[in-house]
Amino acid sequence: MDYELSKPQKLLQQSVRDFCQRECPPERVRKVMETETAMDEPLWRAMADQGWIGLHLPEEQGGLGLGLVELAVVAEELGRACMPGPFLSTTWAATLLSFVPRSEPVDRCLSQLIEGSSRGAVAFLEDDNDWNLTKPCVTAAKSAGHVTLNGSKQLVLDAPGADSIIVVAQGDAGMCLVLVDRATPGVTIEATPAIDATRRLSLVTFAGVTVPRSHILCDGAPAVAALARSLQVGAIVTCAELIGACQWLLDETVEYARTRKQFDRFIGSFQAVQLKCADMFLETESSRAAAYYAAWSATEGAVDAERAVSIAKLYCSEAARDVGNLAVQVHGGIGFTWEHDLHLYYKRNKANEFLFGDARHHREAIARLTIDAA
């Protein structure tokens, strides 16, 4: 692959950056994170009008027919702006819908998600918070023309603002994916304290929730395969967000080192500070190379795509933590204050470190792939 972005990709990058600078300055991020859903409807509509949600999906499904590299370009700039709201959760839901068999409920929901008239969420994690979910505890019992869901899901991303929730459940044929309207009787959403205030995490409980059988999107092996592919895309988007946040932290830290004086000297003249900035640059650029290779390999269907995604996620997760720590160290006391924006990115990185599997999860995944290939 060519690690240099193409001209259209650079134009897309600049377009997203201009949008974020214009529509989502830090002051707006702080206002949105104080709301119940951490979502600004006008900002969400403006984002949807750009076509970013379905950017990577096929044109016949209503997307723009681009690839995961372009999606990563968008996600990196959104991460650089610490964009609040349900972009990640809705992109995950739309991606998952694109991998299941076509049906009237799928086409209708996917179209609404892509155009931005509704938001989506995926109810995946359970009490053990294990991203290697193989047998969900949430049950989907079929009856005449209906399916009834019982159980709960932990840490559902942006559930309060979601209109549709895709539930990963256990049915008669194994794992199944069920589409549920948030307003369906029996669905309750309870806020879960989260380190990142720009997104909401929730406990979602399904108590005798009944939906038409046509809302079973797929089950068995097709459901497992669709979910696995969507998790890869989610991991790539999260990696790109981590890179964007790291780039902001790097730029802000270098500028601070250039202008902050101590002992009548700019602190950037001290070798210890220079080394910290150099380490931040190395971690950020290495993360970018790993993430964009993963995006390219997944788009091209490369044989090492699964391994590349796991390598990118484990590296970006740890690098983002290191970059955040170094940024706080260079900023000193001001880096701990609520008034400075650094903590917004530090917390976003910490939350994204866990999403779609942390470093330990992906090390285990790489080990399994290595054993299977032996």
Protein backbone atom coordinates (compact mmCIF):
# COMPACT_ATOMS: atom_id res chain seq x y z
CA MET A 1 0.00 0.00 0.00
CA ASP A 2 0.98 3.66 -0.42
CA TYR A 3 1.22 5.28 3.02
CA GLU A 4 0.79 8.72 1.47
CA LEU A 5 -2.86 9.78 1.22
CA SER A 6 -4.11 10.34 -2.31
CA LYS A 7 -5.21 13.78 -3.45
CA PRO A 8 -8.95 13.01 -2.98
CA GLN A 9 -8.19 11.63 0.49
CA LYS A 10 -6.26 14.77 1.40
CA LEU A 11 -9.15 16.90 0.20
CA LEU A 12 -11.51 14.85 2.33
CA GLN A 13 -9.19 15.26 5.30
CA GLN A 14 -9.06 19.02 4.89
CA SER A 15 -12.82 19.21 4.44
CA VAL A 16 -13.45 17.33 7.70
CA ARG A 17 -10.86 19.43 9.52
CA ASP A 18 -12.43 22.67 8.32
CA PHE A 19 -15.86 21.42 9.36
CA CYS A 20 -14.66 20.52 12.85
CA GLN A 21 -12.88 23.84 13.36
CA ARG A 22 -15.99 25.69 12.24
CA GLU A 23 -18.74 23.62 13.84
CA CYS A 24 -17.13 21.96 16.86
CA PRO A 25 -14.72 24.20 18.79
CA PRO A 26 -13.84 23.12 22.35
CA GLU A 27 -16.51 25.43 23.79
CA ARG A 28 -19.23 23.51 21.94
CA VAL A 29 -17.77 20.17 23.01
CA ARG A 30 -18.04 21.25 26.64
CA LYS A 31 -21.65 22.37 26.22
CA VAL A 32 -22.69 19.15 24.52
CA MET A 33 -21.06 16.92 27.12
CA GLU A 34 -23.25 18.51 29.77
CA THR A 35 -26.46 17.30 28.09
CA GLU A 36 -28.23 14.06 28.97
CA THR A 37 -27.40 12.34 25.68
CA ALA A 38 -24.08 14.10 24.89
CA MET A 39 -25.53 14.89 21.49
CA ASP A 40 -26.22 18.15 19.69
CA GLU A 41 -28.98 17.64 17.12
CA PRO A 42 -27.94 20.49 14.76
CA LEU A 43 -24.32 19.31 14.90
CA TRP A 44 -25.40 15.73 14.20
CA ARG A 45 -27.53 16.81 11.24
CA ALA A 46 -24.63 18.85 9.85
CA MET A 47 -22.35 15.80 10.14
CA ALA A 48 -24.89 13.52 8.48
CA ASP A 49 -25.28 15.97 5.60
CA GLN A 50 -21.57 15.45 4.86
CA GLY A 51 -22.25 11.77 4.10
CA TRP A 52 -19.70 10.48 6.59
CA ILE A 53 -21.86 7.80 8.23
CA GLY A 54 -22.24 5.68 5.10
CA LEU A 55 -19.02 6.79 3.49
CA HIS A 56 -17.53 3.26 3.46
CA LEU A 57 -20.73 1.40 2.58
CA PRO A 58 -21.66 0.25 -0.96
CA GLU A 59 -23.60 2.64 -3.15
CA GLU A 60 -26.43 0.13 -3.59
CA GLN A 61 -26.98 0.34 0.17
CA GLY A 62 -27.04 4.13 0.16
CA GLY A 63 -23.37 4.71 0.99
CA LEU A 64 -20.67 6.53 -0.95
CA GLY A 65 -18.81 3.37 -1.95
CA LEU A 66 -15.45 4.46 -0.53
CA GLY A 67 -13.20 2.36 1.69
CA LEU A 68 -12.07 2.07 5.27
CA VAL A 69 -9.04 4.27 4.62
CA GLU A 70 -11.38 7.16 3.84
CA LEU A 71 -13.45 6.31 6.92
CA ALA A 72 -10.26 6.37 8.99
CA VAL A 73 -9.40 9.80 7.54
CA VAL A 74 -12.77 11.12 8.73
CA ALA A 75 -12.51 9.43 12.14
CA GLU A 76 -9.01 10.81 12.73
CA GLU A 77 -10.19 14.37 12.22
CA LEU A 78 -13.23 13.78 14.44
CA GLY A 79 -10.89 12.44 17.10
CA ARG A 80 -8.70 15.49 16.70
CA ALA A 81 -11.75 17.64 17.50
CA CYS A 82 -12.91 15.32 20.32
CA MET A 83 -16.25 15.27 18.51
CA PRO A 84 -19.09 14.39 20.89
CA GLY A 85 -22.12 12.37 19.89
CA PRO A 86 -23.03 9.01 18.37
CA PHE A 87 -20.81 8.85 15.27
CA LEU A 88 -18.96 5.73 16.42
CA SER A 89 -22.03 3.89 17.67
CA THR A 90 -24.10 4.72 14.59
CA THR A 91 -21.27 3.81 12.23
CA TRP A 92 -20.92 0.46 14.01
CA ALA A 93 -24.66 -0.19 13.76
CA ALA A 94 -24.81 0.81 10.09
CA THR A 95 -21.77 -1.33 9.29
CA LEU A 96 -23.32 -4.35 11.01
CA LEU A 97 -26.56 -3.88 9.08
CA SER A 98 -24.61 -3.76 5.82
CA PHE A 99 -23.24 -7.26 6.49
CA VAL A 100 -26.58 -9.02 7.15
CA PRO A 101 -29.04 -10.29 4.48
CA ARG A 102 -31.23 -7.64 2.88
CA SER A 103 -34.77 -7.28 4.22
CA GLU A 104 -37.34 -4.53 4.60
CA PRO A 105 -36.43 -3.73 8.25
CA VAL A 106 -32.70 -3.77 7.39
CA ASP A 107 -33.05 -1.50 4.37
CA ARG A 108 -35.30 0.94 6.20
CA CYS A 109 -33.10 1.20 9.28
CA LEU A 110 -29.87 1.39 7.29
CA SER A 111 -31.23 4.16 5.10
CA GLN A 112 -32.30 6.18 8.15
CA LEU A 113 -28.91 5.75 9.82
CA ILE A 114 -26.98 6.80 6.72
CA GLU A 115 -29.08 9.90 6.12
CA GLY A 116 -28.85 10.84 9.79
CA SER A 117 -32.57 10.86 10.53
CA SER A 118 -31.99 8.27 13.26
CA ARG A 119 -29.15 7.02 15.42
CA GLY A 120 -28.09 3.46 16.12
CA ALA A 121 -26.41 1.45 18.87
CA VAL A 122 -25.17 -2.12 19.23
CA ALA A 123 -25.93 -3.93 22.50
CA PHE A 124 -22.99 -6.32 22.72
CA LEU A 125 -21.15 -6.52 26.04
CA GLU A 126 -22.50 -8.40 29.04
CA ASP A 127 -21.57 -8.73 32.72
CA ASP A 128 -18.07 -10.07 32.06
CA ASN A 129 -17.30 -7.20 29.64
CA ASP A 130 -15.57 -9.70 27.35
CA TRP A 131 -15.23 -8.71 23.70
CA ASN A 132 -14.87 -12.45 22.89
CA LEU A 133 -18.61 -12.95 23.32
CA THR A 134 -19.54 -16.44 22.06
CA LYS A 135 -22.75 -17.33 23.92
CA PRO A 136 -24.81 -14.29 24.94
CA CYS A 137 -26.86 -14.41 28.12
CA VAL A 138 -29.60 -12.29 26.55
CA THR A 139 -32.11 -14.77 25.14
CA ALA A 140 -34.25 -14.47 22.01
CA ALA A 141 -37.19 -16.89 22.24
CA LYS A 142 -39.25 -17.36 19.09
CA SER A 143 -43.01 -17.70 19.13
CA ALA A 144 -45.72 -17.41 16.50
CA GLY A 145 -44.62 -14.42 14.44
CA HIS A 146 -42.61 -12.84 17.23
CA VAL A 147 -39.37 -13.05 19.18
CA THR A 148 -39.08 -12.15 22.86
CA LEU A 149 -35.87 -10.77 24.39
CA ASN A 150 -34.88 -11.11 28.03
CA GLY A 151 -31.62 -10.06 29.70
CA SER A 152 -29.34 -7.05 29.93
CA LYS A 153 -26.37 -5.54 28.15
CA GLN A 154 -23.59 -3.55 29.75
CA LEU A 155 -21.75 -0.44 28.53
CA VAL A 156 -23.91 0.13 25.47
CA LEU A 157 -22.43 3.08 23.62
CA ASP A 158 -24.72 6.12 23.19
CA ALA A 159 -27.91 4.20 23.93
CA PRO A 160 -29.88 7.22 25.30
CA GLY A 161 -29.80 8.96 21.93
CA ALA A 162 -30.23 5.83 19.81
CA ASP A 163 -33.45 5.19 17.90
CA SER A 164 -32.58 1.60 16.95
CA ILE A 165 -30.59 -0.96 18.93
CA ILE A 166 -29.08 -4.10 17.41
CA VAL A 167 -29.06 -6.72 20.16
CA VAL A 168 -26.59 -9.61 20.14
CA ALA A 169 -28.62 -12.45 21.67
CA GLN A 170 -28.78 -16.23 21.99
CA GLY A 171 -31.48 -17.85 19.89
CA ASP A 172 -32.51 -21.37 18.90
CA ALA A 173 -29.81 -21.53 16.20
CA GLY A 174 -27.06 -19.94 18.29
CA MET A 175 -26.04 -16.31 18.26
CA CYS A 176 -28.51 -13.99 16.56
CA LEU A 177 -28.85 -10.28 15.82
CA VAL A 178 -32.18 -8.66 16.65
CA LEU A 179 -33.26 -5.15 15.67
CA VAL A 180 -35.16 -3.37 18.46
CA ASP A 181 -36.71 0.08 18.57
CA ARG A 182 -35.59 1.91 21.70
CA ALA A 183 -39.21 2.89 22.45
CA THR A 184 -40.40 -0.75 22.50
CA PRO A 185 -42.10 -1.62 25.82
CA GLY A 186 -39.75 -3.49 28.15
CA VAL A 187 -36.59 -1.64 27.05
CA THR A 188 -35.03 0.34 29.89
CA ILE A 189 -31.84 2.40 29.71
CA GLU A 190 -29.87 3.26 32.83
CA ALA A 191 -26.87 5.57 32.72
CA THR A 192 -23.47 4.09 33.61
CA PRO A 193 -20.76 6.43 34.96
CA ALA A 194 -18.10 6.92 32.28
CA ILE A 195 -14.70 8.58 32.20
CA ASP A 196 -15.42 10.17 28.80
CA ALA A 197 -18.25 12.67 29.19
CA THR A 198 -18.50 13.26 25.43
CA ARG A 199 -20.15 9.84 25.04
CA ARG A 200 -22.71 7.98 27.09
CA LEU A 201 -22.50 4.40 28.34
CA SER A 202 -25.63 2.62 29.55
CA LEU A 203 -27.02 -0.55 31.04
CA VAL A 204 -29.81 -1.63 28.69
CA THR A 205 -32.32 -4.16 30.02
CA PHE A 206 -34.76 -6.16 27.92
CA ALA A 207 -37.66 -7.46 30.01
CA GLY A 208 -40.04 -9.45 27.83
CA VAL A 209 -39.35 -7.22 24.82
CA THR A 210 -41.39 -8.52 21.89
CA VAL A 211 -40.60 -7.65 18.26
CA PRO A 212 -41.67 -9.21 14.93
CA ARG A 213 -39.67 -12.23 13.79
CA SER A 214 -38.68 -10.23 10.73
CA HIS A 215 -36.48 -8.20 13.09
CA ILE A 216 -34.16 -11.18 13.53
CA LEU A 217 -31.51 -9.94 11.12
CA CYS A 218 -29.65 -13.26 10.96
CA ASP A 219 -28.60 -16.09 13.23
CA GLY A 220 -26.04 -18.85 13.51
CA ALA A 221 -22.81 -18.64 11.53
CA PRO A 222 -23.89 -15.65 9.39
CA ALA A 223 -24.55 -13.63 12.55
CA VAL A 224 -21.14 -14.53 13.98
CA ALA A 225 -19.42 -13.58 10.71
CA ALA A 226 -21.29 -10.27 10.36
CA LEU A 227 -20.52 -9.32 13.95
CA ALA A 228 -16.82 -10.18 13.56
CA ARG A 229 -16.50 -8.02 10.45
CA SER A 230 -18.29 -5.10 12.11
CA LEU A 231 -16.01 -5.35 15.14
CA GLN A 232 -13.01 -5.01 12.82
CA VAL A 233 -14.45 -1.82 11.35
CA GLY A 234 -15.23 -0.50 14.82
CA ALA A 235 -11.67 -1.17 15.92
CA ILE A 236 -10.27 0.65 12.88
CA VAL A 237 -12.47 3.71 13.52
CA THR A 238 -11.43 3.72 17.18
CA CYS A 239 -7.75 3.52 16.22
CA ALA A 240 -8.19 6.49 13.89
CA GLU A 241 -9.88 8.47 16.65
CA LEU A 242 -6.99 7.67 18.97
CA ILE A 243 -4.53 8.96 16.36
CA GLY A 244 -6.48 12.21 15.97
CA ALA A 245 -6.50 12.76 19.72
CA CYS A 246 -2.78 11.99 19.93
CA GLN A 247 -2.08 14.49 17.14
CA TRP A 248 -3.98 17.19 19.04
CA LEU A 249 -2.06 16.36 22.23
CA LEU A 250 1.24 16.47 20.34
CA ASP A 251 0.50 19.79 18.63
CA GLU A 252 -0.78 21.37 21.83
CA THR A 253 2.20 20.13 23.85
CA VAL A 254 4.79 21.34 21.33
CA GLU A 255 3.13 24.76 21.20
CA TYR A 256 3.04 24.93 24.99
CA ALA A 257 6.73 23.99 25.18
CA ARG A 258 7.55 26.75 22.67
CA THR A 259 5.76 29.47 24.63
CA ARG A 260 5.95 28.50 28.32
CA LYS A 261 8.88 30.03 30.18
CA GLN A 262 10.50 28.67 33.32
CA PHE A 263 13.70 30.01 34.91
CA ASP A 264 13.73 32.64 32.15
CA ARG A 265 13.92 29.93 29.47
CA PHE A 266 11.34 28.41 27.19
CA ILE A 267 10.74 24.90 28.53
CA GLY A 268 11.10 23.56 25.01
CA SER A 269 14.82 24.29 25.26
CA PHE A 270 15.23 21.67 27.99
CA GLN A 271 16.36 18.32 26.65
CA ALA A 272 14.04 16.37 28.94
CA VAL A 273 11.02 18.18 27.44
CA GLN A 274 12.34 17.70 23.91
CA LEU A 275 12.68 13.96 24.50
CA LYS A 276 9.10 13.73 25.73
CA CYS A 277 7.84 15.55 22.62
CA ALA A 278 9.97 13.31 20.41
CA ASP A 279 8.47 10.21 22.07
CA MET A 280 4.96 11.60 21.53
CA PHE A 281 5.73 12.15 17.84
CA LEU A 282 7.14 8.63 17.43
CA GLU A 283 4.15 7.00 19.12
CA THR A 284 1.67 9.03 17.08
CA GLU A 285 3.28 8.36 13.71
CA SER A 286 3.77 4.66 14.45
CA SER A 287 0.11 4.40 15.46
CA ARG A 288 -0.93 6.11 12.25
CA ALA A 289 1.07 3.65 10.13
CA ALA A 290 -0.41 0.65 11.94
CA ALA A 291 -3.99 1.93 11.78
CA TYR A 292 -3.96 2.92 8.12
CA TYR A 293 -2.39 -0.37 7.13
CA ALA A 294 -5.17 -2.16 9.02
CA ALA A 295 -7.78 -0.03 7.22
CA TRP A 296 -6.21 -0.78 3.84
CA SER A 297 -5.84 -4.51 4.49
CA ALA A 298 -9.45 -4.83 5.67
CA THR A 299 -10.69 -2.93 2.59
CA GLU A 300 -8.63 -5.07 0.22
CA GLY A 301 -9.45 -8.35 1.98
CA ALA A 302 -5.78 -9.08 2.63
CA VAL A 303 -4.93 -12.43 4.21
CA ASP A 304 -3.42 -10.67 7.24
CA ALA A 305 -6.32 -8.24 7.75
CA GLU A 306 -7.49 -9.74 11.05
CA ARG A 307 -3.96 -9.75 12.46
CA ALA A 308 -3.32 -6.20 11.19
CA VAL A 309 -6.45 -4.88 12.93
CA SER A 310 -5.44 -6.49 16.23
CA ILE A 311 -1.88 -5.16 15.96
CA ALA A 312 -3.20 -1.67 15.23
CA LYS A 313 -5.66 -1.69 18.12
CA LEU A 314 -3.21 -2.96 20.72
CA TYR A 315 -0.49 -0.53 19.59
CA CYS A 316 -2.77 2.50 19.31
CA SER A 317 -4.36 1.78 22.71
CA GLU A 318 -1.02 1.72 24.50
CA ALA A 319 0.51 4.55 22.48
CA ALA A 320 -2.44 6.84 23.17
CA ARG A 321 -2.09 6.22 26.89
CA ASP A 322 1.63 7.04 26.73
CA VAL A 323 1.07 10.18 24.65
CA GLY A 324 -1.55 11.41 27.10
CA ASN A 325 0.74 10.82 30.06
CA LEU A 326 3.62 12.66 28.40
CA ALA A 327 1.37 15.58 27.48
CA VAL A 328 0.28 15.96 31.09
CA GLN A 329 3.90 15.80 32.27
CA VAL A 330 5.04 18.56 29.91
CA HIS A 331 2.07 20.79 30.79
CA GLY A 332 2.69 20.36 34.50
CA GLY A 333 0.04 21.68 36.90
CA ILE A 334 -2.19 23.23 34.22
CA GLY A 335 -2.54 19.82 32.59
CA PHE A 336 -4.61 18.67 35.58
CA THR A 337 -7.11 21.52 35.50
CA TRP A 338 -10.70 21.39 34.30
CA GLU A 339 -10.23 24.64 32.39
CA HIS A 340 -7.60 23.19 30.06
CA ASP A 341 -8.87 21.01 27.19
CA LEU A 342 -6.15 18.40 27.64
CA HIS A 343 -8.29 16.31 29.98
CA LEU A 344 -11.00 15.93 27.32
CA TYR A 345 -8.55 14.10 25.04
CA TYR A 346 -6.91 12.18 27.87
CA LYS A 347 -10.28 10.78 28.94
CA ARG A 348 -11.40 10.06 25.36
CA ASN A 349 -8.20 8.08 24.80
CA LYS A 350 -8.70 6.15 28.01
CA ALA A 351 -12.24 5.22 27.01
CA ASN A 352 -11.22 4.29 23.47
CA GLU A 353 -8.42 2.13 24.86
CA PHE A 354 -11.10 -0.28 26.05
CA LEU A 355 -13.55 -0.06 23.15
CA PHE A 356 -13.41 -3.02 20.75
CA GLY A 357 -10.85 -4.73 22.94
CA ASP A 358 -7.86 -3.43 24.86
CA ALA A 359 -4.22 -4.37 24.26
CA ARG A 360 -4.45 -7.58 26.28
CA HIS A 361 -7.51 -8.72 24.33
CA HIS A 362 -5.76 -8.21 21.01
CA ARG A 363 -2.51 -9.83 22.15
CA GLU A 364 -4.55 -12.93 22.91
CA ALA A 365 -6.21 -12.65 19.49
CA ILE A 366 -2.81 -12.47 17.75
CA ALA A 367 -1.60 -15.44 19.76
CA ARG A 368 -4.63 -17.49 18.67
CA LEU A 369 -4.08 -16.51 15.03
CA THR A 370 -0.42 -17.53 15.31
CA ILE A 371 -1.32 -20.90 16.83
CA ASP A 372 -3.99 -21.54 14.19
CA ALA A 373 -1.53 -20.72 11.40
CA ALA A 374 1.15 -23.04 12.80
